[in-house]
Amino acid sequence: MSKKRVLIITQEMKPYIDLTDISSIVSGLPTKLQEQNLEIRVLMPRFGVINERRHRLHEVVRLSGINVVVNDEDYPLIIKVASLPGARLQVYFLDNDDYFKRKEMFHDKKGNNFEDNVERMMFFSLGAIDIVRKFGWAPDVIHCHGWMTSLVPLLLKTQYQSEPIFDGSKVLYSAYQEESFEGPITADFHSFVKENTDIPEDMLKAFGSGAENELNVGGMRYADAITIGSEEVEDVIQGEFDSLDVPKLAYNNDKDILIEYAQFVKSLTDTSVE
């Protein structure tokens, strides 16, 4: 019997980037999942702060060459790969010079939010889905970590709902205390998403104005299962977590969170999407 597959989509991961709780969980989780006899792949942005030489990134030419359309412009998607130290795992990096070459992640040296953060989020979300289609690798669970992945659950339930490769995939969304940027990600988040996707506008209400915490709420709202990855999160995130009637895993500092996560993910591979 072939192994069940788990796709991890994340905005950060040790040792490449270490900003929030996301990094520690995502870097330690694959080994625990492999112990559950699961096959793992990881996708993340190739931010300019990642040292390609130190981490031995190299381009995967056979996977590069996809164009992702954002604001009616084609942006080439470059795929790079590296082996995660201490694990039998390859991490795939989504790269583009326009969006990820700069040496800062979400704001400039003066602390101002990058005006194109929402475009970068869209490029990464669409690119992650497109590269899985190019892999031809059907995931049983798609585990999204952080606000930058928050549109993925909704995209898979709308624009990509008829894609055979995602037929049967369950989407797990993990919310964290992040504080990556201040205020709404763009002046009119709903209009931006509507212009760049086939998502119905009324389904964007869960994302509010596009502030970071609201993006996490939107990601949770359209996931098949949810977790909290930080010991404390904002009330709006905790409230959404408490109110949703889906399989969920709360943060418990009395237990090994990586073992808890791995067991929870494994349980999702054992059941089908309703």
C-alpha atoms as a PDB file:
ATOM      1  CA  MET A   1       0.000   0.000   0.000  1.00  0.00           C
ATOM      2  CA  SER A   2       1.369   3.425  -0.949  1.00  0.00           C
ATOM      3  CA  LYS A   3       2.032   5.947   1.784  1.00  0.00           C
ATOM      4  CA  LYS A   4      -0.451   8.723   2.510  1.00  0.00           C
ATOM      5  CA  ARG A   5       0.848  12.132   1.458  1.00  0.00           C
ATOM      6  CA  VAL A   6       1.039  15.386   3.387  1.00  0.00           C
ATOM      7  CA  LEU A   7       1.840  18.684   1.676  1.00  0.00           C
ATOM      8  CA  ILE A   8       3.063  21.441   4.003  1.00  0.00           C
ATOM      9  CA  ILE A   9       2.703  25.020   2.731  1.00  0.00           C
ATOM     10  CA  THR A  10       4.410  27.564   4.962  1.00  0.00           C
ATOM     11  CA  GLN A  11       5.844  31.068   4.965  1.00  0.00           C
ATOM     12  CA  GLU A  12       8.786  30.155   7.197  1.00  0.00           C
ATOM     13  CA  MET A  13      10.794  27.218   8.458  1.00  0.00           C
ATOM     14  CA  LYS A  14      14.015  26.648  10.373  1.00  0.00           C
ATOM     15  CA  PRO A  15      16.879  26.781   9.485  1.00  0.00           C
ATOM     16  CA  TYR A  16      15.972  29.038   6.547  1.00  0.00           C
ATOM     17  CA  ILE A  17      13.812  31.575   8.412  1.00  0.00           C
ATOM     18  CA  ASP A  18      13.044  31.736  12.118  1.00  0.00           C
ATOM     19  CA  LEU A  19      10.602  34.500  13.053  1.00  0.00           C
ATOM     20  CA  THR A  20       7.637  32.926  14.815  1.00  0.00           C
ATOM     21  CA  ASP A  21       6.338  29.663  16.271  1.00  0.00           C
ATOM     22  CA  ILE A  22       5.691  28.550  12.687  1.00  0.00           C
ATOM     23  CA  SER A  23       9.403  27.947  12.068  1.00  0.00           C
ATOM     24  CA  SER A  24       9.910  25.544  14.951  1.00  0.00           C
ATOM     25  CA  ILE A  25       6.766  23.549  14.290  1.00  0.00           C
ATOM     26  CA  VAL A  26       7.268  23.231  10.545  1.00  0.00           C
ATOM     27  CA  SER A  27      10.933  22.243  10.879  1.00  0.00           C
ATOM     28  CA  GLY A  28      10.236  19.539  13.465  1.00  0.00           C
ATOM     29  CA  LEU A  29       6.943  18.217  12.123  1.00  0.00           C
ATOM     30  CA  PRO A  30       8.151  16.343   8.995  1.00  0.00           C
ATOM     31  CA  THR A  31      10.253  13.874  10.996  1.00  0.00           C
ATOM     32  CA  LYS A  32       7.314  13.148  13.296  1.00  0.00           C
ATOM     33  CA  LEU A  33       5.045  12.685  10.287  1.00  0.00           C
ATOM     34  CA  GLN A  34       7.534  10.322   8.665  1.00  0.00           C
ATOM     35  CA  GLU A  35       7.422   8.285  11.864  1.00  0.00           C
ATOM     36  CA  GLN A  36       3.687   7.970  11.171  1.00  0.00           C
ATOM     37  CA  ASN A  37       4.592   6.410   7.785  1.00  0.00           C
ATOM     38  CA  LEU A  38       3.537   9.508   5.837  1.00  0.00           C
ATOM     39  CA  GLU A  39       5.194  10.955   2.725  1.00  0.00           C
ATOM     40  CA  ILE A  40       5.974  14.675   3.091  1.00  0.00           C
ATOM     41  CA  ARG A  41       6.706  17.615   0.809  1.00  0.00           C
ATOM     42  CA  VAL A  42       7.202  21.231   1.899  1.00  0.00           C
ATOM     43  CA  LEU A  43       6.645  24.437  -0.093  1.00  0.00           C
ATOM     44  CA  MET A  44       7.746  27.911   1.047  1.00  0.00           C
ATOM     45  CA  PRO A  45       8.743  31.274  -0.514  1.00  0.00           C
ATOM     46  CA  ARG A  46      12.419  31.810  -1.343  1.00  0.00           C
ATOM     47  CA  PHE A  47      12.708  35.127   0.494  1.00  0.00           C
ATOM     48  CA  GLY A  48      15.891  37.090  -0.203  1.00  0.00           C
ATOM     49  CA  VAL A  49      16.995  36.689   3.408  1.00  0.00           C
ATOM     50  CA  ILE A  50      17.620  32.988   2.723  1.00  0.00           C
ATOM     51  CA  ASN A  51      21.275  32.313   1.961  1.00  0.00           C
ATOM     52  CA  GLU A  52      21.228  30.030  -1.075  1.00  0.00           C
ATOM     53  CA  ARG A  53      24.881  29.034  -0.852  1.00  0.00           C
ATOM     54  CA  ARG A  54      24.783  28.193   2.856  1.00  0.00           C
ATOM     55  CA  HIS A  55      21.614  26.143   2.522  1.00  0.00           C
ATOM     56  CA  ARG A  56      22.590  24.630  -0.858  1.00  0.00           C
ATOM     57  CA  LEU A  57      19.543  25.662  -2.813  1.00  0.00           C
ATOM     58  CA  HIS A  58      19.526  24.816  -6.495  1.00  0.00           C
ATOM     59  CA  GLU A  59      16.988  25.318  -9.242  1.00  0.00           C
ATOM     60  CA  VAL A  60      14.780  22.456 -10.390  1.00  0.00           C
ATOM     61  CA  VAL A  61      14.623  23.273 -14.086  1.00  0.00           C
ATOM     62  CA  ARG A  62      11.981  20.659 -14.898  1.00  0.00           C
ATOM     63  CA  LEU A  63       9.585  22.302 -12.438  1.00  0.00           C
ATOM     64  CA  SER A  64      10.368  25.937 -13.260  1.00  0.00           C
ATOM     65  CA  GLY A  65       8.769  27.750 -16.171  1.00  0.00           C
ATOM     66  CA  ILE A  66       5.220  28.189 -14.886  1.00  0.00           C
ATOM     67  CA  ASN A  67       3.855  31.731 -15.111  1.00  0.00           C
ATOM     68  CA  VAL A  68       1.587  33.009 -12.350  1.00  0.00           C
ATOM     69  CA  VAL A  69      -0.775  35.843 -13.259  1.00  0.00           C
ATOM     70  CA  VAL A  70      -1.139  38.656 -10.708  1.00  0.00           C
ATOM     71  CA  ASN A  71      -2.890  41.907 -11.641  1.00  0.00           C
ATOM     72  CA  ASP A  72      -3.011  40.776 -15.282  1.00  0.00           C
ATOM     73  CA  GLU A  73       0.770  40.416 -15.490  1.00  0.00           C
ATOM     74  CA  ASP A  74       2.707  37.172 -15.929  1.00  0.00           C
ATOM     75  CA  TYR A  75       5.350  36.470 -13.316  1.00  0.00           C
ATOM     76  CA  PRO A  76       7.715  33.507 -13.839  1.00  0.00           C
ATOM     77  CA  LEU A  77       7.741  30.931 -11.068  1.00  0.00           C
ATOM     78  CA  ILE A  78      11.199  29.542 -10.335  1.00  0.00           C
ATOM     79  CA  ILE A  79      11.429  26.399  -8.196  1.00  0.00           C
ATOM     80  CA  LYS A  80      14.483  25.718  -6.052  1.00  0.00           C
ATOM     81  CA  VAL A  81      15.108  22.849  -3.691  1.00  0.00           C
ATOM     82  CA  ALA A  82      17.230  22.043  -0.644  1.00  0.00           C
ATOM     83  CA  SER A  83      17.519  19.094   1.711  1.00  0.00           C
ATOM     84  CA  LEU A  84      16.391  19.768   5.263  1.00  0.00           C
ATOM     85  CA  PRO A  85      19.354  19.098   7.578  1.00  0.00           C
ATOM     86  CA  GLY A  86      18.878  16.044   9.756  1.00  0.00           C
ATOM     87  CA  ALA A  87      15.823  14.803   7.862  1.00  0.00           C
ATOM     88  CA  ARG A  88      15.055  12.764   4.760  1.00  0.00           C
ATOM     89  CA  LEU A  89      13.158  15.633   3.235  1.00  0.00           C
ATOM     90  CA  GLN A  90      13.419  18.090   0.379  1.00  0.00           C
ATOM     91  CA  VAL A  91      12.049  21.609   0.760  1.00  0.00           C
ATOM     92  CA  TYR A  92      10.810  23.322  -2.402  1.00  0.00           C
ATOM     93  CA  PHE A  93      11.191  27.098  -2.615  1.00  0.00           C
ATOM     94  CA  LEU A  94       8.965  29.278  -4.810  1.00  0.00           C
ATOM     95  CA  ASP A  95      10.999  32.155  -6.201  1.00  0.00           C
ATOM     96  CA  ASN A  96      10.489  35.248  -8.322  1.00  0.00           C
ATOM     97  CA  ASP A  97      12.803  38.238  -8.583  1.00  0.00           C
ATOM     98  CA  ASP A  98      10.003  40.806  -8.484  1.00  0.00           C
ATOM     99  CA  TYR A  99       8.529  39.498  -5.258  1.00  0.00           C
ATOM    100  CA  PHE A 100      11.207  37.672  -3.277  1.00  0.00           C
ATOM    101  CA  LYS A 101      14.654  38.983  -4.225  1.00  0.00           C
ATOM    102  CA  ARG A 102      14.651  41.824  -1.650  1.00  0.00           C
ATOM    103  CA  LYS A 103      16.539  41.292   1.602  1.00  0.00           C
ATOM    104  CA  GLU A 104      13.559  41.984   3.863  1.00  0.00           C
ATOM    105  CA  MET A 105      10.451  39.859   4.303  1.00  0.00           C
ATOM    106  CA  PHE A 106       7.320  41.954   4.871  1.00  0.00           C
ATOM    107  CA  HIS A 107       8.467  45.533   5.530  1.00  0.00           C
ATOM    108  CA  ASP A 108      11.332  47.814   4.560  1.00  0.00           C
ATOM    109  CA  LYS A 109      14.237  48.945   6.747  1.00  0.00           C
ATOM    110  CA  LYS A 110      12.109  51.804   8.095  1.00  0.00           C
ATOM    111  CA  GLY A 111       9.423  49.373   9.241  1.00  0.00           C
ATOM    112  CA  ASN A 112       6.893  50.250   6.535  1.00  0.00           C
ATOM    113  CA  ASN A 113       4.804  47.425   5.104  1.00  0.00           C
ATOM    114  CA  PHE A 114       5.678  46.527   1.529  1.00  0.00           C
ATOM    115  CA  GLU A 115       2.832  47.747  -0.663  1.00  0.00           C
ATOM    116  CA  ASP A 116       2.946  44.546  -2.713  1.00  0.00           C
ATOM    117  CA  ASN A 117       2.632  42.122   0.224  1.00  0.00           C
ATOM    118  CA  VAL A 118      -0.817  41.163  -0.997  1.00  0.00           C
ATOM    119  CA  GLU A 119       0.553  40.459  -4.478  1.00  0.00           C
ATOM    120  CA  ARG A 120       3.318  38.345  -2.990  1.00  0.00           C
ATOM    121  CA  MET A 121       0.733  36.439  -0.987  1.00  0.00           C
ATOM    122  CA  MET A 122      -1.350  35.848  -4.119  1.00  0.00           C
ATOM    123  CA  PHE A 123       1.678  34.768  -6.165  1.00  0.00           C
ATOM    124  CA  PHE A 124       2.712  32.294  -3.483  1.00  0.00           C
ATOM    125  CA  SER A 125      -0.806  30.878  -3.017  1.00  0.00           C
ATOM    126  CA  LEU A 126      -1.479  30.373  -6.718  1.00  0.00           C
ATOM    127  CA  GLY A 127       2.072  29.212  -7.371  1.00  0.00           C
ATOM    128  CA  ALA A 128       1.912  26.603  -4.605  1.00  0.00           C
ATOM    129  CA  ILE A 129      -1.269  25.121  -6.055  1.00  0.00           C
ATOM    130  CA  ASP A 130       0.087  25.196  -9.616  1.00  0.00           C
ATOM    131  CA  ILE A 131       3.341  23.479  -8.667  1.00  0.00           C
ATOM    132  CA  VAL A 132       1.466  20.634  -6.981  1.00  0.00           C
ATOM    133  CA  ARG A 133      -0.452  20.164 -10.210  1.00  0.00           C
ATOM    134  CA  LYS A 134       2.855  20.050 -12.087  1.00  0.00           C
ATOM    135  CA  PHE A 135       4.268  17.544  -9.546  1.00  0.00           C
ATOM    136  CA  GLY A 136       1.348  15.261 -10.299  1.00  0.00           C
ATOM    137  CA  TRP A 137       1.545  14.423  -6.588  1.00  0.00           C
ATOM    138  CA  ALA A 138      -1.920  14.162  -5.042  1.00  0.00           C
ATOM    139  CA  PRO A 139      -1.839  15.112  -1.327  1.00  0.00           C
ATOM    140  CA  ASP A 140      -4.157  13.496   1.206  1.00  0.00           C
ATOM    141  CA  VAL A 141      -3.664  16.448   3.578  1.00  0.00           C
ATOM    142  CA  ILE A 142      -2.615  19.998   2.703  1.00  0.00           C
ATOM    143  CA  HIS A 143      -1.304  21.641   5.876  1.00  0.00           C
ATOM    144  CA  CYS A 144      -1.202  25.458   5.643  1.00  0.00           C
ATOM    145  CA  HIS A 145       0.818  27.507   8.136  1.00  0.00           C
ATOM    146  CA  GLY A 146       0.396  31.257   8.591  1.00  0.00           C
ATOM    147  CA  TRP A 147      -1.444  34.197   7.043  1.00  0.00           C
ATOM    148  CA  MET A 148       0.479  34.011   3.759  1.00  0.00           C
ATOM    149  CA  THR A 149      -1.256  30.684   3.073  1.00  0.00           C
ATOM    150  CA  SER A 150      -4.702  31.777   4.258  1.00  0.00           C
ATOM    151  CA  LEU A 151      -6.279  31.955   0.782  1.00  0.00           C
ATOM    152  CA  VAL A 152      -5.272  28.401  -0.094  1.00  0.00           C
ATOM    153  CA  PRO A 153      -8.207  26.642   1.665  1.00  0.00           C
ATOM    154  CA  LEU A 154     -10.731  28.886  -0.096  1.00  0.00           C
ATOM    155  CA  LEU A 155      -9.007  28.635  -3.487  1.00  0.00           C
ATOM    156  CA  LEU A 156      -9.158  24.853  -3.273  1.00  0.00           C
ATOM    157  CA  LYS A 157     -12.873  24.981  -2.502  1.00  0.00           C
ATOM    158  CA  THR A 158     -13.708  27.387  -5.331  1.00  0.00           C
ATOM    159  CA  GLN A 159     -11.320  28.040  -8.204  1.00  0.00           C
ATOM    160  CA  TYR A 160      -9.631  24.621  -8.002  1.00  0.00           C
ATOM    161  CA  GLN A 161     -12.511  22.484  -6.722  1.00  0.00           C
ATOM    162  CA  SER A 162     -12.722  20.490  -9.967  1.00  0.00           C
ATOM    163  CA  GLU A 163      -8.990  19.705 -10.130  1.00  0.00           C
ATOM    164  CA  PRO A 164      -8.670  15.889  -9.975  1.00  0.00           C
ATOM    165  CA  ILE A 165      -5.331  16.020  -8.140  1.00  0.00           C
ATOM    166  CA  PHE A 166      -7.022  17.637  -5.123  1.00  0.00           C
ATOM    167  CA  ASP A 167      -9.996  15.297  -5.148  1.00  0.00           C
ATOM    168  CA  GLY A 168     -10.071  13.835  -1.648  1.00  0.00           C
ATOM    169  CA  SER A 169      -7.527  16.279  -0.187  1.00  0.00           C
ATOM    170  CA  LYS A 170      -8.245  17.605   3.287  1.00  0.00           C
ATOM    171  CA  VAL A 171      -7.027  21.092   4.149  1.00  0.00           C
ATOM    172  CA  LEU A 172      -5.630  21.713   7.625  1.00  0.00           C
ATOM    173  CA  TYR A 173      -5.004  25.328   8.616  1.00  0.00           C
ATOM    174  CA  SER A 174      -2.755  26.260  11.555  1.00  0.00           C
ATOM    175  CA  ALA A 175      -3.081  29.752  13.014  1.00  0.00           C
ATOM    176  CA  TYR A 176      -0.365  31.469  15.050  1.00  0.00           C
ATOM    177  CA  GLN A 177       0.521  34.684  16.842  1.00  0.00           C
ATOM    178  CA  GLU A 178       2.587  36.320  14.095  1.00  0.00           C
ATOM    179  CA  GLU A 179       2.676  40.165  14.001  1.00  0.00           C
ATOM    180  CA  SER A 180       4.307  40.223  10.556  1.00  0.00           C
ATOM    181  CA  PHE A 181       2.706  43.490   9.425  1.00  0.00           C
ATOM    182  CA  GLU A 182       0.370  46.199  10.696  1.00  0.00           C
ATOM    183  CA  GLY A 183      -3.089  47.147   9.443  1.00  0.00           C
ATOM    184  CA  PRO A 184      -4.849  45.728   6.360  1.00  0.00           C
ATOM    185  CA  ILE A 185      -2.548  44.061   3.851  1.00  0.00           C
ATOM    186  CA  THR A 186      -3.942  46.340   1.141  1.00  0.00           C
ATOM    187  CA  ALA A 187      -6.453  49.183   0.903  1.00  0.00           C
ATOM    188  CA  ASP A 188      -9.212  47.007  -0.600  1.00  0.00           C
ATOM    189  CA  PHE A 189      -8.485  43.348  -0.021  1.00  0.00           C
ATOM    190  CA  HIS A 190     -11.822  42.120  -1.373  1.00  0.00           C
ATOM    191  CA  SER A 191     -11.433  43.935  -4.696  1.00  0.00           C
ATOM    192  CA  PHE A 192      -7.884  42.670  -5.114  1.00  0.00           C
ATOM    193  CA  VAL A 193      -8.862  39.036  -4.539  1.00  0.00           C
ATOM    194  CA  LYS A 194     -11.930  39.358  -6.749  1.00  0.00           C
ATOM    195  CA  GLU A 195      -9.803  40.727  -9.611  1.00  0.00           C
ATOM    196  CA  ASN A 196      -7.197  37.981  -9.301  1.00  0.00           C
ATOM    197  CA  THR A 197      -9.272  34.869  -8.612  1.00  0.00           C
ATOM    198  CA  ASP A 198     -12.644  33.252  -9.265  1.00  0.00           C
ATOM    199  CA  ILE A 199     -13.550  33.399  -5.574  1.00  0.00           C
ATOM    200  CA  PRO A 200     -17.119  34.709  -5.032  1.00  0.00           C
ATOM    201  CA  GLU A 201     -17.020  38.043  -3.216  1.00  0.00           C
ATOM    202  CA  ASP A 202     -19.468  36.984  -0.518  1.00  0.00           C
ATOM    203  CA  MET A 203     -17.047  34.251   0.582  1.00  0.00           C
ATOM    204  CA  LEU A 204     -14.420  36.882   1.405  1.00  0.00           C
ATOM    205  CA  LYS A 205     -16.360  38.304   4.332  1.00  0.00           C
ATOM    206  CA  ALA A 206     -14.498  35.993   6.706  1.00  0.00           C
ATOM    207  CA  PHE A 207     -11.243  37.771   5.777  1.00  0.00           C
ATOM    208  CA  GLY A 208     -12.531  41.149   6.966  1.00  0.00           C
ATOM    209  CA  SER A 209     -10.375  44.043   5.807  1.00  0.00           C
ATOM    210  CA  GLY A 210      -7.353  41.802   5.243  1.00  0.00           C
ATOM    211  CA  ALA A 211      -5.574  42.522   8.518  1.00  0.00           C
ATOM    212  CA  GLU A 212      -3.243  39.747   9.652  1.00  0.00           C
ATOM    213  CA  ASN A 213      -5.565  38.274  12.292  1.00  0.00           C
ATOM    214  CA  GLU A 214      -8.497  38.451   9.881  1.00  0.00           C
ATOM    215  CA  LEU A 215      -6.528  36.571   7.241  1.00  0.00           C
ATOM    216  CA  ASN A 216      -5.978  33.812   9.780  1.00  0.00           C
ATOM    217  CA  VAL A 217      -9.703  33.755  10.517  1.00  0.00           C
ATOM    218  CA  GLY A 218     -10.446  33.410   6.793  1.00  0.00           C
ATOM    219  CA  GLY A 219      -7.964  30.568   6.467  1.00  0.00           C
ATOM    220  CA  MET A 220      -9.579  28.745   9.381  1.00  0.00           C
ATOM    221  CA  ARG A 221     -13.120  29.325   8.133  1.00  0.00           C
ATOM    222  CA  TYR A 222     -12.621  27.375   4.900  1.00  0.00           C
ATOM    223  CA  ALA A 223     -10.348  24.610   6.186  1.00  0.00           C
ATOM    224  CA  ASP A 224     -11.487  21.049   6.871  1.00  0.00           C
ATOM    225  CA  ALA A 225      -9.560  20.999  10.148  1.00  0.00           C
ATOM    226  CA  ILE A 226      -7.743  23.598  12.263  1.00  0.00           C
ATOM    227  CA  THR A 227      -5.073  23.937  14.919  1.00  0.00           C
ATOM    228  CA  ILE A 228      -3.596  26.676  17.092  1.00  0.00           C
ATOM    229  CA  GLY A 229       0.203  26.692  16.987  1.00  0.00           C
ATOM    230  CA  SER A 230       1.006  29.400  19.543  1.00  0.00           C
ATOM    231  CA  GLU A 231       0.447  29.311  23.277  1.00  0.00           C
ATOM    232  CA  GLU A 232      -1.474  32.594  23.032  1.00  0.00           C
ATOM    233  CA  VAL A 233      -3.258  34.108  20.022  1.00  0.00           C
ATOM    234  CA  GLU A 234      -5.455  37.159  19.523  1.00  0.00           C
ATOM    235  CA  ASP A 235      -9.062  36.880  20.729  1.00  0.00           C
ATOM    236  CA  VAL A 236     -10.467  36.999  17.200  1.00  0.00           C
ATOM    237  CA  ILE A 237      -8.437  33.914  16.231  1.00  0.00           C
ATOM    238  CA  GLN A 238      -9.269  32.042  19.430  1.00  0.00           C
ATOM    239  CA  GLY A 239     -12.947  32.929  19.043  1.00  0.00           C
ATOM    240  CA  GLU A 240     -13.036  31.559  15.494  1.00  0.00           C
ATOM    241  CA  PHE A 241     -11.245  28.408  16.600  1.00  0.00           C
ATOM    242  CA  ASP A 242     -13.732  27.841  19.416  1.00  0.00           C
ATOM    243  CA  SER A 243     -16.774  28.444  17.212  1.00  0.00           C
ATOM    244  CA  LEU A 244     -15.957  26.187  14.264  1.00  0.00           C
ATOM    245  CA  ASP A 245     -17.415  22.681  14.177  1.00  0.00           C
ATOM    246  CA  VAL A 246     -14.525  20.873  12.476  1.00  0.00           C
ATOM    247  CA  PRO A 247     -11.772  18.554  13.714  1.00  0.00           C
ATOM    248  CA  LYS A 248      -9.396  20.742  15.708  1.00  0.00           C
ATOM    249  CA  LEU A 249      -6.381  20.630  17.960  1.00  0.00           C
ATOM    250  CA  ALA A 250      -5.830  23.274  20.623  1.00  0.00           C
ATOM    251  CA  TYR A 251      -2.392  24.283  21.871  1.00  0.00           C
ATOM    252  CA  ASN A 252      -1.402  22.260  24.921  1.00  0.00           C
ATOM    253  CA  ASN A 253       1.922  23.117  26.552  1.00  0.00           C
ATOM    254  CA  ASP A 254       1.667  20.059  28.814  1.00  0.00           C
ATOM    255  CA  LYS A 255       2.254  17.752  25.835  1.00  0.00           C
ATOM    256  CA  ASP A 256       4.769  17.483  22.995  1.00  0.00           C
ATOM    257  CA  ILE A 257       3.139  19.675  20.362  1.00  0.00           C
ATOM    258  CA  LEU A 258       4.974  17.991  17.478  1.00  0.00           C
ATOM    259  CA  ILE A 259       3.751  14.542  18.494  1.00  0.00           C
ATOM    260  CA  GLU A 260       0.241  15.949  18.954  1.00  0.00           C
ATOM    261  CA  TYR A 261       0.358  17.568  15.508  1.00  0.00           C
ATOM    262  CA  ALA A 262       1.656  14.421  13.832  1.00  0.00           C
ATOM    263  CA  GLN A 263      -1.036  12.245  15.388  1.00  0.00           C
ATOM    264  CA  PHE A 264      -3.702  14.775  14.429  1.00  0.00           C
ATOM    265  CA  VAL A 265      -2.496  14.953  10.810  1.00  0.00           C
ATOM    266  CA  LYS A 266      -2.349  11.152  10.654  1.00  0.00           C
ATOM    267  CA  SER A 267      -5.955  10.969  11.839  1.00  0.00           C
ATOM    268  CA  LEU A 268      -6.991  13.223   8.949  1.00  0.00           C
ATOM    269  CA  THR A 269      -5.395  10.881   6.402  1.00  0.00           C
ATOM    270  CA  ASP A 270      -7.492   8.033   7.783  1.00  0.00           C
ATOM    271  CA  THR A 271     -10.798   9.725   6.967  1.00  0.00           C
ATOM    272  CA  SER A 272     -12.268  11.030   3.740  1.00  0.00           C
ATOM    273  CA  VAL A 273     -13.516  14.531   2.933  1.00  0.00           C
ATOM    274  CA  GLU A 274     -17.252  14.799   3.491  1.00  0.00           C
END
